[in-house]
Amino acid sequence: MWLGGREANPAAEDDVWVWDMSGLPVDQTMWYPGEPNNHQGLQDHICVYEGRNGLDDCKQFNPYVFLCETEYLVC
C-alpha cells in the first residue's frame, strides 16, 4: 500500500523523505530494518507491505492501493 509519501529530491540521494500533503519529514525510526534501500535505483515512494512492521521504499508506477492524508475540518 502506498502511504502518500516520497523522497523529497530523488536526484540528491540524501535520504530525505516527506509526506506529500504536508511536506513534513518522515520519522526515520518508522522504516523497516534495511530500508529505505532504493533497490535498482527506482524506489522513491513510501509503501507498507503485509507482514512487515515498518515502512519500505517502493517504485512509483506499481499498481498500489493507496492511503492519502487529508485535512480535518471542524465546522
Protein backbone atom coordinates (compact mmCIF):
# COMPACT_ATOMS: atom_id res chain seq x y z
CA MET A 1 0.00 0.00 0.00
CA TRP A 2 1.36 3.42 -0.95
CA LEU A 3 1.13 5.79 2.01
CA GLY A 4 1.32 9.17 0.30
CA GLY A 5 5.00 9.82 0.97
CA ARG A 6 8.05 10.17 -1.25
CA GLU A 7 11.71 11.01 -1.36
CA ALA A 8 11.99 14.81 -1.26
CA ASN A 9 14.60 15.02 -4.02
CA PRO A 10 15.49 11.65 -5.62
CA ALA A 11 18.35 13.19 -7.59
CA ALA A 12 20.06 14.40 -4.40
CA GLU A 13 20.43 10.91 -2.88
CA ASP A 14 20.25 12.48 0.60
CA ASP A 15 17.60 10.13 2.03
CA VAL A 16 15.18 12.93 2.94
CA TRP A 17 11.62 11.58 2.86
CA VAL A 18 8.43 13.67 3.19
CA TRP A 19 4.67 13.23 3.33
CA ASP A 20 3.07 14.54 0.11
CA MET A 21 0.22 16.61 1.54
CA SER A 22 2.04 18.32 4.39
CA GLY A 23 5.65 18.24 3.20
CA LEU A 24 6.64 17.24 6.74
CA PRO A 25 9.60 14.88 7.12
CA VAL A 26 9.04 11.17 7.72
CA ASP A 27 10.15 9.91 11.12
CA GLN A 28 13.31 7.92 10.33
CA THR A 29 12.55 5.39 13.09
CA MET A 30 9.48 4.17 11.17
CA TRP A 31 11.43 2.30 8.46
CA TYR A 32 11.62 -1.48 8.30
CA PRO A 33 15.20 -2.63 9.07
CA GLY A 34 17.40 -2.18 5.98
CA GLU A 35 15.03 0.32 4.38
CA PRO A 36 14.96 2.62 2.54
CA ASN A 37 17.38 0.93 0.15
CA ASN A 38 16.38 2.34 -3.27
CA HIS A 39 16.54 -1.12 -4.89
CA GLN A 40 17.69 -0.82 -8.53
CA GLY A 41 17.67 2.97 -8.15
CA LEU A 42 13.91 3.09 -8.75
CA GLN A 43 12.32 3.33 -5.30
CA ASP A 44 11.29 6.84 -4.31
CA HIS A 45 7.84 6.35 -2.75
CA ILE A 46 6.80 5.08 0.70
CA CYS A 47 4.87 1.83 0.99
CA VAL A 48 3.94 -0.72 3.59
CA TYR A 49 3.69 -4.44 2.89
CA GLU A 50 1.71 -7.13 4.67
CA GLY A 51 3.80 -8.91 7.28
CA ARG A 52 6.35 -6.09 7.66
CA ASN A 53 6.41 -3.90 10.75
CA GLY A 54 7.68 -0.68 9.22
CA LEU A 55 7.91 1.43 6.08
CA ASP A 56 9.52 0.33 2.82
CA ASP A 57 10.53 2.30 -0.25
CA CYS A 58 8.82 1.25 -3.49
CA LYS A 59 8.57 2.11 -7.19
CA GLN A 60 6.33 4.97 -8.23
CA PHE A 61 4.45 3.22 -11.02
CA ASN A 62 3.49 -0.09 -9.38
CA PRO A 63 -0.30 -0.58 -9.12
CA TYR A 64 -0.66 0.03 -5.37
CA VAL A 65 -3.69 0.58 -3.25
CA PHE A 66 -3.12 3.94 -1.61
CA LEU A 67 -3.87 5.82 1.57
CA CYS A 68 -3.81 9.60 1.48
CA GLU A 69 -3.56 12.26 4.15
CA THR A 70 -6.25 14.91 4.26
CA GLU A 71 -7.01 17.92 6.39
CA TYR A 72 -9.71 17.54 9.03
CA LEU A 73 -12.04 20.49 9.14
CA VAL A 74 -14.27 21.18 12.14
CA CYS A 75 -17.31 23.34 11.40
